[in-house]
Amino acid sequence: MDIGSLIAALLLGFVCGAIARALVPNDAFKSMSGWQSWLASTVLGLLGALLGYWVFTGLFGIGDDDKFDWGGIIGALIGSIIVVAIGSAIIKRSRAPRA
């Protein structure tokens, strides 16, 4: 992976992660601020891009062979929304008081 591809992957991850966090109501990551929020958005977006790539290319045979490209932004966004929702559910469950 060259530097241009790395930068594009990080930008794709950040954009998709930020949009997914804005679309998922009451996500567990909303209390973060500053660099932690930026990092969380990027990591969630990159994981979502991988999930979207796996679902659309691996299962449905739709798309191309590049994991992190702007052509697959819809799949990356859908994957990011799924990752944010699941991650929020897991974090909220672990923070819940136990009786």
Protein backbone atom coordinates (compact mmCIF):
# COMPACT_ATOMS: atom_id res chain seq x y z
CA MET A 1 0.00 0.00 0.00
CA ASP A 2 1.50 3.33 -1.00
CA ILE A 3 1.13 6.58 0.95
CA GLY A 4 -1.66 7.87 -1.27
CA SER A 5 -3.73 4.73 -0.69
CA LEU A 6 -3.11 4.94 3.05
CA ILE A 7 -4.25 8.56 3.18
CA ALA A 8 -7.33 7.76 1.08
CA ALA A 9 -8.19 4.82 3.38
CA LEU A 10 -7.89 7.01 6.49
CA LEU A 11 -10.04 9.73 4.92
CA LEU A 12 -12.66 7.17 3.85
CA GLY A 13 -12.67 5.71 7.37
CA PHE A 14 -13.03 9.11 9.00
CA VAL A 15 -15.81 10.28 6.67
CA CYS A 16 -17.83 7.07 6.96
CA GLY A 17 -17.26 6.84 10.71
CA ALA A 18 -18.33 10.44 11.30
CA ILE A 19 -21.46 10.04 9.16
CA ALA A 20 -22.34 6.74 10.85
CA ARG A 21 -21.91 8.27 14.32
CA ALA A 22 -24.19 11.14 13.28
CA LEU A 23 -26.86 8.75 11.96
CA VAL A 24 -26.93 6.29 14.87
CA PRO A 25 -28.95 7.86 17.70
CA ASN A 26 -27.43 7.92 21.20
CA ASP A 27 -24.22 6.18 20.22
CA ALA A 28 -21.92 5.24 23.09
CA PHE A 29 -19.08 7.27 21.57
CA LYS A 30 -20.78 10.69 21.82
CA SER A 31 -19.10 11.52 25.12
CA MET A 32 -15.68 11.54 23.43
CA SER A 33 -14.13 14.80 22.31
CA GLY A 34 -10.99 16.01 20.60
CA TRP A 35 -8.51 13.51 19.24
CA GLN A 36 -10.35 10.57 20.85
CA SER A 37 -13.48 11.39 18.86
CA TRP A 38 -11.48 11.70 15.64
CA LEU A 39 -9.70 8.41 16.31
CA ALA A 40 -12.94 6.61 17.21
CA SER A 41 -14.60 7.86 14.00
CA THR A 42 -11.65 6.75 11.89
CA VAL A 43 -11.35 3.29 13.45
CA LEU A 44 -15.10 2.68 13.32
CA GLY A 45 -15.16 3.83 9.70
CA LEU A 46 -12.25 1.58 8.72
CA LEU A 47 -13.89 -1.42 10.41
CA GLY A 48 -17.13 -0.51 8.67
CA ALA A 49 -15.36 -0.30 5.31
CA LEU A 50 -13.95 -3.79 5.86
CA LEU A 51 -17.38 -5.09 6.88
CA GLY A 52 -19.03 -3.43 3.88
CA TYR A 53 -16.38 -4.84 1.56
CA TRP A 54 -16.84 -8.33 2.99
CA VAL A 55 -20.65 -8.21 2.78
CA PHE A 56 -20.99 -6.70 -0.69
CA THR A 57 -18.00 -8.25 -2.44
CA GLY A 58 -17.66 -11.51 -0.53
CA LEU A 59 -21.30 -12.45 -0.02
CA PHE A 60 -23.14 -10.70 -2.84
CA GLY A 61 -20.38 -10.44 -5.46
CA ILE A 62 -21.03 -6.72 -5.96
CA GLY A 63 -18.18 -4.25 -6.30
CA ASP A 64 -14.47 -4.38 -7.02
CA ASP A 65 -11.45 -5.90 -5.32
CA ASP A 66 -10.26 -2.74 -3.53
CA LYS A 67 -11.13 -2.68 0.17
CA PHE A 68 -10.61 1.04 0.77
CA ASP A 69 -11.66 3.03 -2.26
CA TRP A 70 -14.13 5.85 -2.76
CA GLY A 71 -16.15 3.76 -5.22
CA GLY A 72 -17.30 1.58 -2.33
CA ILE A 73 -18.40 4.43 -0.09
CA ILE A 74 -22.00 3.19 0.09
CA GLY A 75 -20.89 -0.24 1.30
CA ALA A 76 -18.41 1.37 3.68
CA LEU A 77 -21.11 3.65 5.06
CA ILE A 78 -23.57 0.79 5.57
CA GLY A 79 -20.85 -1.27 7.24
CA SER A 80 -19.90 1.70 9.45
CA ILE A 81 -23.49 2.17 10.60
CA ILE A 82 -23.63 -1.52 11.54
CA VAL A 83 -20.29 -1.32 13.39
CA VAL A 84 -21.31 1.83 15.33
CA ALA A 85 -24.68 0.32 16.29
CA ILE A 86 -23.16 -2.98 17.46
CA GLY A 87 -20.26 -1.25 19.23
CA SER A 88 -22.66 1.10 21.02
CA ALA A 89 -24.86 -1.80 22.12
CA ILE A 90 -21.88 -3.71 23.51
CA ILE A 91 -20.47 -0.69 25.36
CA LYS A 92 -23.85 0.28 26.81
CA ARG A 93 -24.46 -3.29 27.95
CA SER A 94 -21.08 -3.47 29.67
CA ARG A 95 -21.66 -0.13 31.45
CA ALA A 96 -25.14 -1.07 32.72
CA PRO A 97 -25.36 -1.62 36.46
CA ARG A 98 -25.76 -5.24 37.40
CA ALA A 99 -28.13 -6.39 40.08
